[in-house]
Amino acid sequence: MQQPDVLIEDISVWETQMFTVQNPLHSDIRDPLLKLIYTLRDSQHQAIESDVAPTAKHALYESTLDLLQRPEPVISELREFIEAMLVTVASAVNEPFWPEGAQARADIVESWFHITENGGYHDTHAHPNCSWCGIYYIDAGECDIHSRNGINRFYDPRHGADQYLDAGTSYLNGTGSWDFSAVEGQVVIFPSYLKHAAMPYFGQKDRVVIAFNSQIHFQE
């Protein structure tokens, strides 16, 4: 029997969106950023200067949580770029839900560097008290996506989605995780509820990143 014409509506629910963007000025700010970060590291009193979850981190240095509030021109330039990207992302995602004509601003409420040495890692975690987070890769060191060396891994927030897998669930990505290659000059922006980890890194060069948490507010 011939099937009658029917209309199937595609409804996307509980979608998790992540974004990547390449900083076009990375080659100009890379070396000044690294110089500043290593100067700050050398002045630290302990490896995890933020004193946040030190047992979840191994063989890495972490600054205090105000890095992008510093006055150095290279920091100000980077902060302006990141804030602009955050506003673009938040506006695109939230446009159907915002009042007509609403304008937003991004407030970076926490930011810090990580210098990861040979054997270093950061256990699985999420970021509270913010809406959008990000990682900026300054020096990828010897990270490698094929061996999963030093990559960032994000975990599927749909708990139990992969409890049964067959041909009808191929779209779910049954691994339960998504790995990002460490690309120098790239910013990965993600919602704060996503659990993620920095997988073990092995290399003679350091892996250097800046991470940040932000809140999005309407302009007055």
C-alpha atoms as a PDB file:
ATOM      1  CA  MET A   1       0.000   0.000   0.000  1.00  0.00           C
ATOM      2  CA  GLN A   2       1.345   3.424  -0.906  1.00  0.00           C
ATOM      3  CA  GLN A   3       2.084   5.593   2.084  1.00  0.00           C
ATOM      4  CA  PRO A   4       0.239   8.911   2.187  1.00  0.00           C
ATOM      5  CA  ASP A   5       2.255  12.104   2.126  1.00  0.00           C
ATOM      6  CA  VAL A   6       3.188  13.112   5.651  1.00  0.00           C
ATOM      7  CA  LEU A   7       5.136  15.972   7.166  1.00  0.00           C
ATOM      8  CA  ILE A   8       7.765  15.049   9.737  1.00  0.00           C
ATOM      9  CA  GLU A   9       8.870  17.998  11.841  1.00  0.00           C
ATOM     10  CA  ASP A  10      12.482  18.129  13.025  1.00  0.00           C
ATOM     11  CA  ILE A  11      12.616  19.234  16.664  1.00  0.00           C
ATOM     12  CA  SER A  12      16.032  19.725  18.269  1.00  0.00           C
ATOM     13  CA  VAL A  13      15.859  19.581  22.058  1.00  0.00           C
ATOM     14  CA  TRP A  14      18.550  19.870  24.723  1.00  0.00           C
ATOM     15  CA  GLU A  15      21.175  20.723  22.154  1.00  0.00           C
ATOM     16  CA  THR A  16      24.688  21.460  23.410  1.00  0.00           C
ATOM     17  CA  GLN A  17      26.550  24.003  21.321  1.00  0.00           C
ATOM     18  CA  MET A  18      30.280  24.644  21.406  1.00  0.00           C
ATOM     19  CA  PHE A  19      32.275  27.088  19.303  1.00  0.00           C
ATOM     20  CA  THR A  20      35.841  27.569  18.091  1.00  0.00           C
ATOM     21  CA  VAL A  21      37.421  30.721  16.731  1.00  0.00           C
ATOM     22  CA  GLN A  22      40.961  31.497  15.620  1.00  0.00           C
ATOM     23  CA  ASN A  23      42.504  34.693  16.951  1.00  0.00           C
ATOM     24  CA  PRO A  24      43.878  36.479  13.850  1.00  0.00           C
ATOM     25  CA  LEU A  25      46.352  38.397  16.019  1.00  0.00           C
ATOM     26  CA  HIS A  26      47.801  35.347  17.773  1.00  0.00           C
ATOM     27  CA  SER A  27      51.190  35.561  16.074  1.00  0.00           C
ATOM     28  CA  ASP A  28      51.561  39.139  17.317  1.00  0.00           C
ATOM     29  CA  ILE A  29      50.647  38.510  20.953  1.00  0.00           C
ATOM     30  CA  ARG A  30      51.960  34.960  21.459  1.00  0.00           C
ATOM     31  CA  ASP A  31      55.494  35.803  22.588  1.00  0.00           C
ATOM     32  CA  PRO A  32      54.541  38.772  24.831  1.00  0.00           C
ATOM     33  CA  LEU A  33      51.859  36.604  26.453  1.00  0.00           C
ATOM     34  CA  LEU A  34      54.290  33.772  27.099  1.00  0.00           C
ATOM     35  CA  LYS A  35      56.864  36.158  28.543  1.00  0.00           C
ATOM     36  CA  LEU A  36      54.293  37.615  30.935  1.00  0.00           C
ATOM     37  CA  ILE A  37      52.929  34.212  31.938  1.00  0.00           C
ATOM     38  CA  TYR A  38      56.346  32.778  32.761  1.00  0.00           C
ATOM     39  CA  THR A  39      57.244  35.930  34.713  1.00  0.00           C
ATOM     40  CA  LEU A  40      54.074  35.498  36.768  1.00  0.00           C
ATOM     41  CA  ARG A  41      54.774  31.814  37.277  1.00  0.00           C
ATOM     42  CA  ASP A  42      58.242  32.555  38.609  1.00  0.00           C
ATOM     43  CA  SER A  43      56.741  34.886  41.228  1.00  0.00           C
ATOM     44  CA  GLN A  44      54.187  32.359  42.509  1.00  0.00           C
ATOM     45  CA  HIS A  45      54.457  30.963  46.028  1.00  0.00           C
ATOM     46  CA  GLN A  46      52.921  27.617  45.046  1.00  0.00           C
ATOM     47  CA  ALA A  47      52.086  25.715  41.866  1.00  0.00           C
ATOM     48  CA  ILE A  48      48.310  26.167  42.178  1.00  0.00           C
ATOM     49  CA  GLU A  49      48.252  29.818  43.147  1.00  0.00           C
ATOM     50  CA  SER A  50      44.458  29.950  42.871  1.00  0.00           C
ATOM     51  CA  ASP A  51      44.270  27.291  45.610  1.00  0.00           C
ATOM     52  CA  VAL A  52      41.277  25.786  43.760  1.00  0.00           C
ATOM     53  CA  ALA A  53      41.063  21.959  43.721  1.00  0.00           C
ATOM     54  CA  PRO A  54      44.833  21.404  43.879  1.00  0.00           C
ATOM     55  CA  THR A  55      44.438  17.619  44.175  1.00  0.00           C
ATOM     56  CA  ALA A  56      42.666  17.516  40.786  1.00  0.00           C
ATOM     57  CA  LYS A  57      45.753  18.929  39.073  1.00  0.00           C
ATOM     58  CA  HIS A  58      49.172  17.400  38.582  1.00  0.00           C
ATOM     59  CA  ALA A  59      52.453  18.763  37.177  1.00  0.00           C
ATOM     60  CA  LEU A  60      50.986  22.092  36.185  1.00  0.00           C
ATOM     61  CA  TYR A  61      51.084  25.705  37.296  1.00  0.00           C
ATOM     62  CA  GLU A  62      47.888  27.715  37.730  1.00  0.00           C
ATOM     63  CA  SER A  63      47.724  31.444  38.357  1.00  0.00           C
ATOM     64  CA  THR A  64      45.310  33.440  40.455  1.00  0.00           C
ATOM     65  CA  LEU A  65      41.902  33.919  38.849  1.00  0.00           C
ATOM     66  CA  ASP A  66      42.302  37.511  37.638  1.00  0.00           C
ATOM     67  CA  LEU A  67      44.708  37.132  34.730  1.00  0.00           C
ATOM     68  CA  LEU A  68      42.612  38.933  32.102  1.00  0.00           C
ATOM     69  CA  GLN A  69      42.030  41.854  34.472  1.00  0.00           C
ATOM     70  CA  ARG A  70      45.703  42.773  34.427  1.00  0.00           C
ATOM     71  CA  PRO A  71      46.649  46.163  32.893  1.00  0.00           C
ATOM     72  CA  GLU A  72      49.287  45.030  30.385  1.00  0.00           C
ATOM     73  CA  PRO A  73      48.349  46.044  26.792  1.00  0.00           C
ATOM     74  CA  VAL A  74      48.712  42.486  25.502  1.00  0.00           C
ATOM     75  CA  ILE A  75      46.221  41.302  28.128  1.00  0.00           C
ATOM     76  CA  SER A  76      43.782  44.107  27.351  1.00  0.00           C
ATOM     77  CA  GLU A  77      43.953  43.281  23.651  1.00  0.00           C
ATOM     78  CA  LEU A  78      43.235  39.621  24.268  1.00  0.00           C
ATOM     79  CA  ARG A  79      40.418  40.375  26.707  1.00  0.00           C
ATOM     80  CA  GLU A  80      38.690  42.635  24.178  1.00  0.00           C
ATOM     81  CA  PHE A  81      38.867  39.916  21.524  1.00  0.00           C
ATOM     82  CA  ILE A  82      37.505  37.230  23.857  1.00  0.00           C
ATOM     83  CA  GLU A  83      34.701  39.463  25.136  1.00  0.00           C
ATOM     84  CA  ALA A  84      33.638  40.260  21.580  1.00  0.00           C
ATOM     85  CA  MET A  85      33.560  36.562  20.688  1.00  0.00           C
ATOM     86  CA  LEU A  86      31.557  35.734  23.814  1.00  0.00           C
ATOM     87  CA  VAL A  87      28.943  38.365  22.976  1.00  0.00           C
ATOM     88  CA  THR A  88      28.712  37.069  19.407  1.00  0.00           C
ATOM     89  CA  VAL A  89      28.222  33.484  20.590  1.00  0.00           C
ATOM     90  CA  ALA A  90      25.733  34.330  23.340  1.00  0.00           C
ATOM     91  CA  SER A  91      23.722  36.582  21.031  1.00  0.00           C
ATOM     92  CA  ALA A  92      23.492  33.921  18.326  1.00  0.00           C
ATOM     93  CA  VAL A  93      22.396  31.190  20.731  1.00  0.00           C
ATOM     94  CA  ASN A  94      19.935  33.311  22.706  1.00  0.00           C
ATOM     95  CA  GLU A  95      18.449  35.536  19.996  1.00  0.00           C
ATOM     96  CA  PRO A  96      15.094  33.654  19.905  1.00  0.00           C
ATOM     97  CA  PHE A  97      14.763  34.066  23.680  1.00  0.00           C
ATOM     98  CA  TRP A  98      15.949  37.651  24.210  1.00  0.00           C
ATOM     99  CA  PRO A  99      13.729  40.748  24.047  1.00  0.00           C
ATOM    100  CA  GLU A 100      13.716  42.353  20.631  1.00  0.00           C
ATOM    101  CA  GLY A 101      16.687  44.651  20.163  1.00  0.00           C
ATOM    102  CA  ALA A 102      18.422  43.511  23.342  1.00  0.00           C
ATOM    103  CA  GLN A 103      22.158  44.192  23.546  1.00  0.00           C
ATOM    104  CA  ALA A 104      24.470  42.208  25.780  1.00  0.00           C
ATOM    105  CA  ARG A 105      27.919  42.481  27.285  1.00  0.00           C
ATOM    106  CA  ALA A 106      30.317  39.762  28.422  1.00  0.00           C
ATOM    107  CA  ASP A 107      31.896  40.042  31.851  1.00  0.00           C
ATOM    108  CA  ILE A 108      34.927  37.783  32.334  1.00  0.00           C
ATOM    109  CA  VAL A 109      34.603  36.984  36.023  1.00  0.00           C
ATOM    110  CA  GLU A 110      37.555  34.577  36.328  1.00  0.00           C
ATOM    111  CA  SER A 111      40.603  33.888  34.178  1.00  0.00           C
ATOM    112  CA  TRP A 112      43.873  32.084  34.706  1.00  0.00           C
ATOM    113  CA  PHE A 113      46.790  30.423  32.952  1.00  0.00           C
ATOM    114  CA  HIS A 114      47.867  26.807  32.986  1.00  0.00           C
ATOM    115  CA  ILE A 115      51.434  25.768  32.287  1.00  0.00           C
ATOM    116  CA  THR A 116      51.348  21.991  31.995  1.00  0.00           C
ATOM    117  CA  GLU A 117      54.638  20.123  32.250  1.00  0.00           C
ATOM    118  CA  ASN A 118      55.552  16.560  31.278  1.00  0.00           C
ATOM    119  CA  GLY A 119      53.032  14.172  32.846  1.00  0.00           C
ATOM    120  CA  GLY A 120      50.594  16.913  33.803  1.00  0.00           C
ATOM    121  CA  TYR A 121      46.800  16.722  33.695  1.00  0.00           C
ATOM    122  CA  HIS A 122      43.598  18.237  35.080  1.00  0.00           C
ATOM    123  CA  ASP A 123      40.855  15.877  36.262  1.00  0.00           C
ATOM    124  CA  THR A 124      37.237  16.073  35.086  1.00  0.00           C
ATOM    125  CA  HIS A 125      35.374  19.153  36.295  1.00  0.00           C
ATOM    126  CA  ALA A 126      32.835  21.835  35.386  1.00  0.00           C
ATOM    127  CA  HIS A 127      32.803  25.571  36.110  1.00  0.00           C
ATOM    128  CA  PRO A 128      30.217  27.067  38.520  1.00  0.00           C
ATOM    129  CA  ASN A 129      28.870  30.626  38.769  1.00  0.00           C
ATOM    130  CA  CYS A 130      29.149  31.468  35.080  1.00  0.00           C
ATOM    131  CA  SER A 131      27.369  30.768  31.791  1.00  0.00           C
ATOM    132  CA  TRP A 132      30.085  30.500  29.109  1.00  0.00           C
ATOM    133  CA  CYS A 133      33.684  29.339  29.513  1.00  0.00           C
ATOM    134  CA  GLY A 134      36.655  29.083  27.232  1.00  0.00           C
ATOM    135  CA  ILE A 135      40.177  27.847  26.640  1.00  0.00           C
ATOM    136  CA  TYR A 136      42.729  29.788  24.600  1.00  0.00           C
ATOM    137  CA  TYR A 137      45.678  27.743  23.361  1.00  0.00           C
ATOM    138  CA  ILE A 138      48.833  29.881  23.461  1.00  0.00           C
ATOM    139  CA  ASP A 139      51.465  27.154  23.027  1.00  0.00           C
ATOM    140  CA  ALA A 140      50.302  23.634  22.183  1.00  0.00           C
ATOM    141  CA  GLY A 141      53.667  22.124  23.044  1.00  0.00           C
ATOM    142  CA  GLU A 142      53.673  18.528  21.825  1.00  0.00           C
ATOM    143  CA  CYS A 143      49.915  17.929  22.065  1.00  0.00           C
ATOM    144  CA  ASP A 144      48.623  15.411  19.543  1.00  0.00           C
ATOM    145  CA  ILE A 145      45.011  14.521  18.769  1.00  0.00           C
ATOM    146  CA  HIS A 146      45.892  11.084  17.347  1.00  0.00           C
ATOM    147  CA  SER A 147      47.537   9.852  20.552  1.00  0.00           C
ATOM    148  CA  ARG A 148      45.201  12.013  22.689  1.00  0.00           C
ATOM    149  CA  ASN A 149      48.266  13.643  24.204  1.00  0.00           C
ATOM    150  CA  GLY A 150      47.341  16.805  26.113  1.00  0.00           C
ATOM    151  CA  ILE A 151      43.948  17.261  24.471  1.00  0.00           C
ATOM    152  CA  ASN A 152      40.835  18.633  26.145  1.00  0.00           C
ATOM    153  CA  ARG A 153      38.032  16.080  26.476  1.00  0.00           C
ATOM    154  CA  PHE A 154      34.391  17.097  26.932  1.00  0.00           C
ATOM    155  CA  TYR A 155      31.815  14.653  28.259  1.00  0.00           C
ATOM    156  CA  ASP A 156      28.278  14.046  27.015  1.00  0.00           C
ATOM    157  CA  PRO A 157      25.856  15.759  29.439  1.00  0.00           C
ATOM    158  CA  ARG A 158      22.976  13.446  28.432  1.00  0.00           C
ATOM    159  CA  HIS A 159      23.549  10.918  31.192  1.00  0.00           C
ATOM    160  CA  GLY A 160      22.410   7.473  30.100  1.00  0.00           C
ATOM    161  CA  ALA A 161      22.039   8.406  26.426  1.00  0.00           C
ATOM    162  CA  ASP A 162      24.412   5.589  25.473  1.00  0.00           C
ATOM    163  CA  GLN A 163      22.977   2.947  27.829  1.00  0.00           C
ATOM    164  CA  TYR A 164      21.682   1.077  24.756  1.00  0.00           C
ATOM    165  CA  LEU A 165      23.255   1.347  21.307  1.00  0.00           C
ATOM    166  CA  ASP A 166      22.024  -0.022  17.997  1.00  0.00           C
ATOM    167  CA  ALA A 167      21.759   1.218  14.404  1.00  0.00           C
ATOM    168  CA  GLY A 168      19.173   3.765  15.500  1.00  0.00           C
ATOM    169  CA  THR A 169      21.520   5.488  17.942  1.00  0.00           C
ATOM    170  CA  SER A 170      24.547   5.984  15.690  1.00  0.00           C
ATOM    171  CA  TYR A 171      23.984   9.756  15.781  1.00  0.00           C
ATOM    172  CA  LEU A 172      24.583   9.858  19.542  1.00  0.00           C
ATOM    173  CA  ASN A 173      28.374   9.477  19.341  1.00  0.00           C
ATOM    174  CA  GLY A 174      28.539   6.387  21.534  1.00  0.00           C
ATOM    175  CA  THR A 175      31.973   7.286  22.916  1.00  0.00           C
ATOM    176  CA  GLY A 176      30.314   9.611  25.428  1.00  0.00           C
ATOM    177  CA  SER A 177      32.998  12.251  24.887  1.00  0.00           C
ATOM    178  CA  TRP A 178      34.348  14.748  22.376  1.00  0.00           C
ATOM    179  CA  ASP A 179      38.059  15.528  22.026  1.00  0.00           C
ATOM    180  CA  PHE A 180      39.523  18.856  20.899  1.00  0.00           C
ATOM    181  CA  SER A 181      42.928  19.169  19.327  1.00  0.00           C
ATOM    182  CA  ALA A 182      45.092  21.873  20.886  1.00  0.00           C
ATOM    183  CA  VAL A 183      45.456  24.400  18.053  1.00  0.00           C
ATOM    184  CA  GLU A 184      47.624  27.422  18.815  1.00  0.00           C
ATOM    185  CA  GLY A 185      45.710  30.684  18.637  1.00  0.00           C
ATOM    186  CA  GLN A 186      42.328  28.960  18.856  1.00  0.00           C
ATOM    187  CA  VAL A 187      39.662  29.679  21.452  1.00  0.00           C
ATOM    188  CA  VAL A 188      37.184  26.939  22.395  1.00  0.00           C
ATOM    189  CA  ILE A 189      33.986  28.368  23.909  1.00  0.00           C
ATOM    190  CA  PHE A 190      31.583  26.068  25.746  1.00  0.00           C
ATOM    191  CA  PRO A 191      28.652  26.199  28.206  1.00  0.00           C
ATOM    192  CA  SER A 192      29.717  26.029  31.820  1.00  0.00           C
ATOM    193  CA  TYR A 193      27.755  22.873  32.663  1.00  0.00           C
ATOM    194  CA  LEU A 194      29.859  20.697  30.351  1.00  0.00           C
ATOM    195  CA  LYS A 195      32.236  18.480  32.287  1.00  0.00           C
ATOM    196  CA  HIS A 196      35.686  18.334  30.745  1.00  0.00           C
ATOM    197  CA  ALA A 197      39.288  17.396  31.450  1.00  0.00           C
ATOM    198  CA  ALA A 198      42.795  18.128  30.254  1.00  0.00           C
ATOM    199  CA  MET A 199      44.094  14.674  29.416  1.00  0.00           C
ATOM    200  CA  PRO A 200      47.640  13.673  30.465  1.00  0.00           C
ATOM    201  CA  TYR A 201      50.284  15.602  28.576  1.00  0.00           C
ATOM    202  CA  PHE A 202      53.724  14.230  27.739  1.00  0.00           C
ATOM    203  CA  GLY A 203      56.386  16.390  26.146  1.00  0.00           C
ATOM    204  CA  GLN A 204      59.582  18.281  26.743  1.00  0.00           C
ATOM    205  CA  LYS A 205      57.926  21.592  25.850  1.00  0.00           C
ATOM    206  CA  ASP A 206      55.275  23.123  28.094  1.00  0.00           C
ATOM    207  CA  ARG A 207      51.605  23.245  27.148  1.00  0.00           C
ATOM    208  CA  VAL A 208      50.359  26.783  27.868  1.00  0.00           C
ATOM    209  CA  VAL A 209      46.724  27.917  27.853  1.00  0.00           C
ATOM    210  CA  ILE A 210      44.527  30.650  29.274  1.00  0.00           C
ATOM    211  CA  ALA A 211      41.095  29.658  30.587  1.00  0.00           C
ATOM    212  CA  PHE A 212      38.201  31.937  31.495  1.00  0.00           C
ATOM    213  CA  ASN A 213      34.675  32.035  32.910  1.00  0.00           C
ATOM    214  CA  SER A 214      32.135  34.643  31.879  1.00  0.00           C
ATOM    215  CA  GLN A 215      28.688  35.969  32.677  1.00  0.00           C
ATOM    216  CA  ILE A 216      26.455  37.576  30.041  1.00  0.00           C
ATOM    217  CA  HIS A 217      24.273  40.542  31.001  1.00  0.00           C
ATOM    218  CA  PHE A 218      22.024  42.931  29.125  1.00  0.00           C
ATOM    219  CA  GLN A 219      23.358  46.409  28.515  1.00  0.00           C
ATOM    220  CA  GLU A 220      21.671  49.143  30.538  1.00  0.00           C
END
